[in-house]
Amino acid sequence: MLPDTITLAIDEANTDSTTDHDLARAIESANKSTYWDEDHTVAARNEMSVFRTFPKTSGNFYGSLKTSVKFTKDIAVDGVDGSTLKVPLIGEASFSMPVGTTEEEATLLRQSLIAMLDRDDVMDLLHGQGMI
């Protein structure tokens, strides 16, 4: 089981200076746990959820463990009519690990994802302008 509190060192301004965020487990079910950041409220979410789906054997294949992490933070944006809207800002990462994946293979996949997410020149174009 994951710990009840997870501390993330987040480089909030992308300046190589991190701030610790303590996320505390708030909701738990069989295949999902939701953690709330310190400033989370019912009216303004700031949360991280982790999910899992266990492998299902298909023929000769043992299947894949599927896991994901999702961050959700409610933010304010301008509406078309000039009003202010509260909408969710969402970031997700998901994995599909075939049964038998080595620790080295899983680490390389995770580190590759981290490296891509840390490429400002690529990510700014992707999520800022929708370029692919």
N, C-alpha and C. Protein backbone atom coordinates (compact mmCIF):
# COMPACT_ATOMS: atom_id res chain seq x y z
N MET A 1 0.84 -1.18 0.00
CA MET A 1 0.00 0.00 0.00
C MET A 1 0.88 1.24 0.00
N LEU A 2 0.44 2.25 -0.75
CA LEU A 2 1.16 3.52 -0.76
C LEU A 2 1.06 4.17 0.62
N PRO A 3 2.00 5.06 0.95
CA PRO A 3 1.94 5.72 2.25
C PRO A 3 0.72 6.63 2.36
N ASP A 4 0.30 6.94 3.59
CA ASP A 4 -0.85 7.82 3.81
C ASP A 4 -0.55 9.27 3.46
N THR A 5 0.72 9.65 3.52
CA THR A 5 1.14 11.00 3.11
C THR A 5 2.28 10.87 2.11
N ILE A 6 2.16 11.59 1.01
CA ILE A 6 3.21 11.63 0.00
C ILE A 6 3.67 13.07 -0.13
N THR A 7 4.97 13.30 0.03
CA THR A 7 5.53 14.64 -0.12
C THR A 7 6.18 14.75 -1.50
N LEU A 8 5.73 15.73 -2.27
CA LEU A 8 6.30 16.00 -3.59
C LEU A 8 7.08 17.31 -3.53
N ALA A 9 8.33 17.28 -3.98
CA ALA A 9 9.15 18.49 -4.10
C ALA A 9 8.88 19.06 -5.48
N ILE A 10 8.07 20.10 -5.55
CA ILE A 10 7.61 20.65 -6.83
C ILE A 10 8.35 21.94 -7.15
N ASP A 11 8.91 22.01 -8.33
CA ASP A 11 9.57 23.22 -8.84
C ASP A 11 8.47 24.08 -9.46
N GLU A 12 7.76 24.81 -8.63
CA GLU A 12 6.54 25.52 -9.03
C GLU A 12 6.77 26.53 -10.14
N ALA A 13 7.89 27.23 -10.12
CA ALA A 13 8.16 28.28 -11.11
C ALA A 13 9.19 27.85 -12.15
N ASN A 14 9.57 26.56 -12.13
CA ASN A 14 10.57 26.03 -13.06
C ASN A 14 11.88 26.81 -12.97
N THR A 15 12.34 27.02 -11.72
CA THR A 15 13.56 27.79 -11.46
C THR A 15 14.61 26.98 -10.72
N ASP A 16 14.46 25.67 -10.67
CA ASP A 16 15.35 24.77 -9.93
C ASP A 16 15.28 24.98 -8.42
N SER A 17 14.18 25.55 -7.94
CA SER A 17 13.94 25.71 -6.51
C SER A 17 12.61 25.03 -6.20
N THR A 18 12.62 24.06 -5.29
CA THR A 18 11.42 23.29 -5.03
C THR A 18 10.73 23.69 -3.73
N THR A 19 9.44 23.43 -3.71
CA THR A 19 8.61 23.61 -2.53
C THR A 19 7.95 22.27 -2.23
N ASP A 20 8.02 21.84 -0.98
CA ASP A 20 7.39 20.58 -0.61
C ASP A 20 5.88 20.74 -0.51
N HIS A 21 5.18 19.78 -1.11
CA HIS A 21 3.73 19.69 -1.00
C HIS A 21 3.41 18.35 -0.36
N ASP A 22 2.74 18.40 0.78
CA ASP A 22 2.33 17.18 1.46
C ASP A 22 0.92 16.84 1.02
N LEU A 23 0.77 15.69 0.39
CA LEU A 23 -0.53 15.21 -0.04
C LEU A 23 -0.95 14.09 0.90
N ALA A 24 -2.13 14.22 1.50
CA ALA A 24 -2.61 13.26 2.48
C ALA A 24 -3.75 12.43 1.87
N ARG A 25 -3.68 11.12 2.09
CA ARG A 25 -4.74 10.25 1.59
C ARG A 25 -6.07 10.66 2.22
N ALA A 26 -7.06 10.92 1.36
CA ALA A 26 -8.37 11.36 1.84
C ALA A 26 -9.46 10.35 1.52
N ILE A 27 -9.33 9.68 0.37
CA ILE A 27 -10.35 8.73 -0.07
C ILE A 27 -9.63 7.48 -0.56
N GLU A 28 -10.13 6.33 -0.16
CA GLU A 28 -9.50 5.08 -0.57
C GLU A 28 -10.58 4.08 -0.95
N SER A 29 -10.38 3.43 -2.09
CA SER A 29 -11.25 2.32 -2.49
C SER A 29 -10.35 1.19 -2.97
N ALA A 30 -10.93 0.13 -3.48
CA ALA A 30 -10.15 -1.04 -3.85
C ALA A 30 -9.09 -0.73 -4.90
N ASN A 31 -9.38 0.11 -5.89
CA ASN A 31 -8.46 0.34 -6.99
C ASN A 31 -8.16 1.81 -7.25
N LYS A 32 -8.44 2.67 -6.24
CA LYS A 32 -8.18 4.10 -6.39
C LYS A 32 -7.92 4.70 -5.01
N SER A 33 -6.92 5.55 -4.94
CA SER A 33 -6.69 6.37 -3.74
C SER A 33 -6.57 7.82 -4.18
N THR A 34 -7.21 8.70 -3.43
CA THR A 34 -7.14 10.13 -3.73
C THR A 34 -6.48 10.84 -2.56
N TYR A 35 -5.50 11.67 -2.91
CA TYR A 35 -4.73 12.44 -1.95
C TYR A 35 -5.06 13.92 -2.14
N TRP A 36 -5.22 14.64 -1.05
CA TRP A 36 -5.50 16.07 -1.12
C TRP A 36 -4.26 16.87 -0.73
N ASP A 37 -4.00 17.91 -1.52
CA ASP A 37 -2.95 18.87 -1.18
C ASP A 37 -3.46 19.71 -0.01
N GLU A 38 -2.56 20.45 0.61
CA GLU A 38 -2.91 21.21 1.81
C GLU A 38 -4.01 22.24 1.57
N ASP A 39 -4.08 22.81 0.35
CA ASP A 39 -5.08 23.85 0.09
C ASP A 39 -6.34 23.31 -0.59
N HIS A 40 -6.51 22.00 -0.64
CA HIS A 40 -7.70 21.40 -1.23
C HIS A 40 -8.94 21.74 -0.40
N THR A 41 -10.03 22.08 -1.10
CA THR A 41 -11.33 22.24 -0.46
C THR A 41 -12.36 21.57 -1.36
N VAL A 42 -13.54 21.38 -0.84
CA VAL A 42 -14.60 20.79 -1.65
C VAL A 42 -14.92 21.72 -2.83
N ALA A 43 -14.86 23.02 -2.58
CA ALA A 43 -15.19 23.99 -3.62
C ALA A 43 -14.05 24.23 -4.61
N ALA A 44 -12.82 23.90 -4.23
CA ALA A 44 -11.66 24.12 -5.09
C ALA A 44 -10.70 22.94 -4.92
N ARG A 45 -10.84 21.95 -5.79
CA ARG A 45 -10.02 20.75 -5.68
C ARG A 45 -8.55 21.05 -5.98
N ASN A 46 -7.69 20.36 -5.26
CA ASN A 46 -6.26 20.30 -5.55
C ASN A 46 -5.85 18.93 -5.06
N GLU A 47 -5.88 17.95 -5.98
CA GLU A 47 -5.75 16.56 -5.56
C GLU A 47 -4.97 15.72 -6.55
N MET A 48 -4.51 14.60 -6.05
CA MET A 48 -3.83 13.60 -6.86
C MET A 48 -4.54 12.27 -6.62
N SER A 49 -4.87 11.58 -7.70
CA SER A 49 -5.47 10.25 -7.58
C SER A 49 -4.57 9.23 -8.26
N VAL A 50 -4.48 8.06 -7.66
CA VAL A 50 -3.74 6.96 -8.26
C VAL A 50 -4.72 5.81 -8.49
N PHE A 51 -4.55 5.13 -9.62
CA PHE A 51 -5.48 4.09 -10.04
C PHE A 51 -4.72 2.82 -10.40
N ARG A 52 -5.41 1.68 -10.34
CA ARG A 52 -4.82 0.43 -10.79
C ARG A 52 -5.90 -0.47 -11.37
N THR A 53 -5.49 -1.25 -12.38
CA THR A 53 -6.30 -2.32 -12.94
C THR A 53 -5.40 -3.52 -13.04
N PHE A 54 -5.80 -4.62 -12.42
CA PHE A 54 -4.95 -5.81 -12.38
C PHE A 54 -4.93 -6.52 -13.73
N PRO A 55 -3.84 -7.25 -14.02
CA PRO A 55 -3.73 -7.98 -15.29
C PRO A 55 -4.83 -9.03 -15.44
N LYS A 56 -5.24 -9.23 -16.68
CA LYS A 56 -6.18 -10.30 -17.01
C LYS A 56 -5.52 -11.19 -18.05
N THR A 57 -5.44 -12.48 -17.77
CA THR A 57 -4.83 -13.42 -18.70
C THR A 57 -5.69 -13.53 -19.96
N SER A 58 -5.02 -13.54 -21.10
CA SER A 58 -5.70 -13.71 -22.38
C SER A 58 -4.89 -14.70 -23.20
N GLY A 59 -5.42 -15.90 -23.37
CA GLY A 59 -4.68 -16.93 -24.08
C GLY A 59 -3.38 -17.24 -23.35
N ASN A 60 -2.27 -17.12 -24.06
CA ASN A 60 -0.96 -17.42 -23.50
C ASN A 60 -0.31 -16.19 -22.85
N PHE A 61 -0.97 -15.04 -22.91
CA PHE A 61 -0.43 -13.78 -22.37
C PHE A 61 -0.99 -13.55 -20.97
N TYR A 62 -0.08 -13.30 -20.02
CA TYR A 62 -0.50 -13.08 -18.64
C TYR A 62 -1.24 -11.76 -18.43
N GLY A 63 -1.14 -10.85 -19.36
CA GLY A 63 -1.81 -9.56 -19.23
C GLY A 63 -0.88 -8.47 -18.76
N SER A 64 -1.46 -7.28 -18.54
CA SER A 64 -0.69 -6.11 -18.13
C SER A 64 -1.34 -5.45 -16.93
N LEU A 65 -0.50 -5.03 -15.98
CA LEU A 65 -0.95 -4.21 -14.88
C LEU A 65 -1.06 -2.79 -15.40
N LYS A 66 -2.20 -2.17 -15.22
CA LYS A 66 -2.38 -0.79 -15.67
C LYS A 66 -2.48 0.10 -14.45
N THR A 67 -1.65 1.13 -14.43
CA THR A 67 -1.65 2.09 -13.33
C THR A 67 -1.64 3.50 -13.91
N SER A 68 -2.12 4.44 -13.12
CA SER A 68 -2.07 5.82 -13.58
C SER A 68 -2.08 6.75 -12.38
N VAL A 69 -1.64 7.96 -12.62
CA VAL A 69 -1.70 9.03 -11.63
C VAL A 69 -2.32 10.23 -12.33
N LYS A 70 -3.20 10.91 -11.61
CA LYS A 70 -3.93 12.05 -12.19
C LYS A 70 -3.93 13.19 -11.18
N PHE A 71 -3.52 14.37 -11.64
CA PHE A 71 -3.57 15.57 -10.83
C PHE A 71 -4.74 16.43 -11.31
N THR A 72 -5.53 16.95 -10.38
CA THR A 72 -6.65 17.82 -10.71
C THR A 72 -6.61 19.03 -9.80
N LYS A 73 -6.67 20.21 -10.41
CA LYS A 73 -6.71 21.46 -9.65
C LYS A 73 -7.73 22.37 -10.31
N ASP A 74 -8.69 22.84 -9.53
CA ASP A 74 -9.68 23.77 -10.06
C ASP A 74 -9.05 25.16 -10.17
N ILE A 75 -9.22 25.76 -11.35
CA ILE A 75 -8.67 27.10 -11.60
C ILE A 75 -9.76 28.00 -12.17
N ALA A 76 -9.50 29.29 -12.18
CA ALA A 76 -10.42 30.26 -12.74
C ALA A 76 -9.92 30.69 -14.11
N VAL A 77 -10.83 30.71 -15.09
CA VAL A 77 -10.52 31.20 -16.43
C VAL A 77 -11.64 32.13 -16.88
N ASP A 78 -11.34 32.97 -17.86
CA ASP A 78 -12.35 33.87 -18.41
C ASP A 78 -13.27 33.10 -19.34
N GLY A 79 -14.57 33.34 -19.21
CA GLY A 79 -15.55 32.76 -20.11
C GLY A 79 -15.69 33.61 -21.36
N VAL A 80 -16.37 33.08 -22.36
CA VAL A 80 -16.59 33.79 -23.62
C VAL A 80 -17.29 35.12 -23.38
N ASP A 81 -18.19 35.14 -22.41
CA ASP A 81 -18.96 36.35 -22.13
C ASP A 81 -18.29 37.29 -21.13
N GLY A 82 -17.03 36.99 -20.76
CA GLY A 82 -16.31 37.84 -19.82
C GLY A 82 -16.47 37.43 -18.37
N SER A 83 -17.33 36.47 -18.11
CA SER A 83 -17.49 35.99 -16.74
C SER A 83 -16.30 35.12 -16.36
N THR A 84 -16.18 34.80 -15.10
CA THR A 84 -15.11 33.93 -14.61
C THR A 84 -15.70 32.54 -14.37
N LEU A 85 -15.04 31.55 -14.89
CA LEU A 85 -15.48 30.16 -14.76
C LEU A 85 -14.47 29.38 -13.92
N LYS A 86 -14.97 28.44 -13.13
CA LYS A 86 -14.10 27.51 -12.40
C LYS A 86 -14.08 26.21 -13.19
N VAL A 87 -12.87 25.79 -13.60
CA VAL A 87 -12.73 24.59 -14.43
C VAL A 87 -11.55 23.76 -13.93
N PRO A 88 -11.56 22.45 -14.21
CA PRO A 88 -10.45 21.62 -13.76
C PRO A 88 -9.25 21.68 -14.71
N LEU A 89 -8.08 21.83 -14.14
CA LEU A 89 -6.80 21.69 -14.84
C LEU A 89 -6.32 20.28 -14.50
N ILE A 90 -6.10 19.45 -15.52
CA ILE A 90 -5.83 18.03 -15.29
C ILE A 90 -4.55 17.61 -15.99
N GLY A 91 -3.74 16.83 -15.30
CA GLY A 91 -2.56 16.19 -15.88
C GLY A 91 -2.57 14.73 -15.49
N GLU A 92 -2.29 13.86 -16.46
CA GLU A 92 -2.34 12.42 -16.19
C GLU A 92 -1.13 11.72 -16.80
N ALA A 93 -0.72 10.64 -16.16
CA ALA A 93 0.28 9.74 -16.72
C ALA A 93 -0.24 8.33 -16.47
N SER A 94 -0.16 7.49 -17.49
CA SER A 94 -0.64 6.12 -17.32
C SER A 94 0.40 5.14 -17.84
N PHE A 95 0.33 3.94 -17.30
CA PHE A 95 1.31 2.91 -17.63
C PHE A 95 0.59 1.59 -17.87
N SER A 96 1.13 0.81 -18.77
CA SER A 96 0.66 -0.55 -19.01
C SER A 96 1.89 -1.44 -18.98
N MET A 97 2.02 -2.19 -17.90
CA MET A 97 3.21 -3.02 -17.66
C MET A 97 2.86 -4.50 -17.84
N PRO A 98 3.31 -5.10 -18.95
CA PRO A 98 3.06 -6.53 -19.12
C PRO A 98 3.67 -7.33 -17.97
N VAL A 99 2.94 -8.37 -17.54
CA VAL A 99 3.48 -9.25 -16.51
C VAL A 99 4.82 -9.79 -17.01
N GLY A 100 5.86 -9.66 -16.20
CA GLY A 100 7.20 -10.10 -16.59
C GLY A 100 8.13 -8.94 -16.92
N THR A 101 7.60 -7.70 -16.93
CA THR A 101 8.44 -6.53 -17.16
C THR A 101 9.49 -6.46 -16.05
N THR A 102 10.74 -6.23 -16.43
CA THR A 102 11.79 -6.13 -15.42
C THR A 102 11.76 -4.75 -14.76
N GLU A 103 12.38 -4.66 -13.60
CA GLU A 103 12.48 -3.37 -12.91
C GLU A 103 13.25 -2.37 -13.77
N GLU A 104 14.28 -2.84 -14.48
CA GLU A 104 15.07 -1.95 -15.34
C GLU A 104 14.21 -1.40 -16.48
N GLU A 105 13.38 -2.25 -17.09
CA GLU A 105 12.52 -1.79 -18.19
C GLU A 105 11.48 -0.79 -17.70
N ALA A 106 10.91 -1.05 -16.52
CA ALA A 106 9.93 -0.13 -15.95
C ALA A 106 10.58 1.21 -15.60
N THR A 107 11.78 1.17 -15.05
CA THR A 107 12.50 2.39 -14.70
C THR A 107 12.82 3.21 -15.94
N LEU A 108 13.27 2.55 -17.00
CA LEU A 108 13.57 3.27 -18.24
C LEU A 108 12.33 3.94 -18.81
N LEU A 109 11.19 3.27 -18.77
CA LEU A 109 9.94 3.86 -19.26
C LEU A 109 9.57 5.09 -18.43
N ARG A 110 9.62 4.95 -17.12
CA ARG A 110 9.28 6.07 -16.23
C ARG A 110 10.23 7.24 -16.42
N GLN A 111 11.53 6.95 -16.51
CA GLN A 111 12.52 8.02 -16.69
C GLN A 111 12.36 8.69 -18.06
N SER A 112 11.96 7.93 -19.06
CA SER A 112 11.70 8.52 -20.39
C SER A 112 10.53 9.48 -20.33
N LEU A 113 9.49 9.10 -19.61
CA LEU A 113 8.34 9.98 -19.45
C LEU A 113 8.73 11.25 -18.69
N ILE A 114 9.48 11.09 -17.62
CA ILE A 114 9.96 12.25 -16.85
C ILE A 114 10.78 13.17 -17.74
N ALA A 115 11.67 12.61 -18.54
CA ALA A 115 12.53 13.42 -19.43
C ALA A 115 11.69 14.20 -20.43
N MET A 116 10.66 13.56 -20.98
CA MET A 116 9.80 14.25 -21.95
C MET A 116 9.03 15.38 -21.26
N LEU A 117 8.47 15.11 -20.10
CA LEU A 117 7.71 16.13 -19.38
C LEU A 117 8.59 17.30 -18.97
N ASP A 118 9.89 17.09 -18.82
CA ASP A 118 10.81 18.14 -18.40
C ASP A 118 11.41 18.90 -19.57
N ARG A 119 11.01 18.60 -20.79
CA ARG A 119 11.49 19.33 -21.97
C ARG A 119 10.60 20.54 -22.21
N ASP A 120 10.97 21.68 -21.65
CA ASP A 120 10.16 22.89 -21.79
C ASP A 120 9.95 23.27 -23.25
N ASP A 121 10.99 23.12 -24.08
CA ASP A 121 10.86 23.52 -25.48
C ASP A 121 9.80 22.71 -26.22
N VAL A 122 9.62 21.46 -25.82
CA VAL A 122 8.62 20.61 -26.45
C VAL A 122 7.26 20.77 -25.76
N MET A 123 7.25 20.71 -24.44
CA MET A 123 5.99 20.75 -23.70
C MET A 123 5.28 22.10 -23.84
N ASP A 124 6.04 23.20 -23.91
CA ASP A 124 5.40 24.51 -24.09
C ASP A 124 4.65 24.56 -25.41
N LEU A 125 5.22 23.99 -26.45
CA LEU A 125 4.53 23.95 -27.74
C LEU A 125 3.35 22.98 -27.71
N LEU A 126 3.54 21.84 -27.07
CA LEU A 126 2.49 20.83 -27.03
C LEU A 126 1.27 21.32 -26.27
N HIS A 127 1.45 21.69 -24.99
CA HIS A 127 0.26 22.06 -24.21
C HIS A 127 -0.06 23.55 -24.30
N GLY A 128 0.87 24.36 -24.73
CA GLY A 128 0.61 25.79 -24.87
C GLY A 128 -0.08 26.15 -26.17
N GLN A 129 0.31 25.44 -27.25
CA GLN A 129 -0.22 25.77 -28.57
C GLN A 129 -0.86 24.56 -29.26
N GLY A 130 -0.83 23.41 -28.62
CA GLY A 130 -1.42 22.22 -29.22
C GLY A 130 -0.64 21.69 -30.41
N MET A 131 0.66 22.01 -30.50
CA MET A 131 1.48 21.54 -31.62
C MET A 131 1.94 20.11 -31.40
N ILE A 132 1.92 19.32 -32.46
CA ILE A 132 2.45 17.97 -32.39
C ILE A 132 3.38 17.72 -33.56
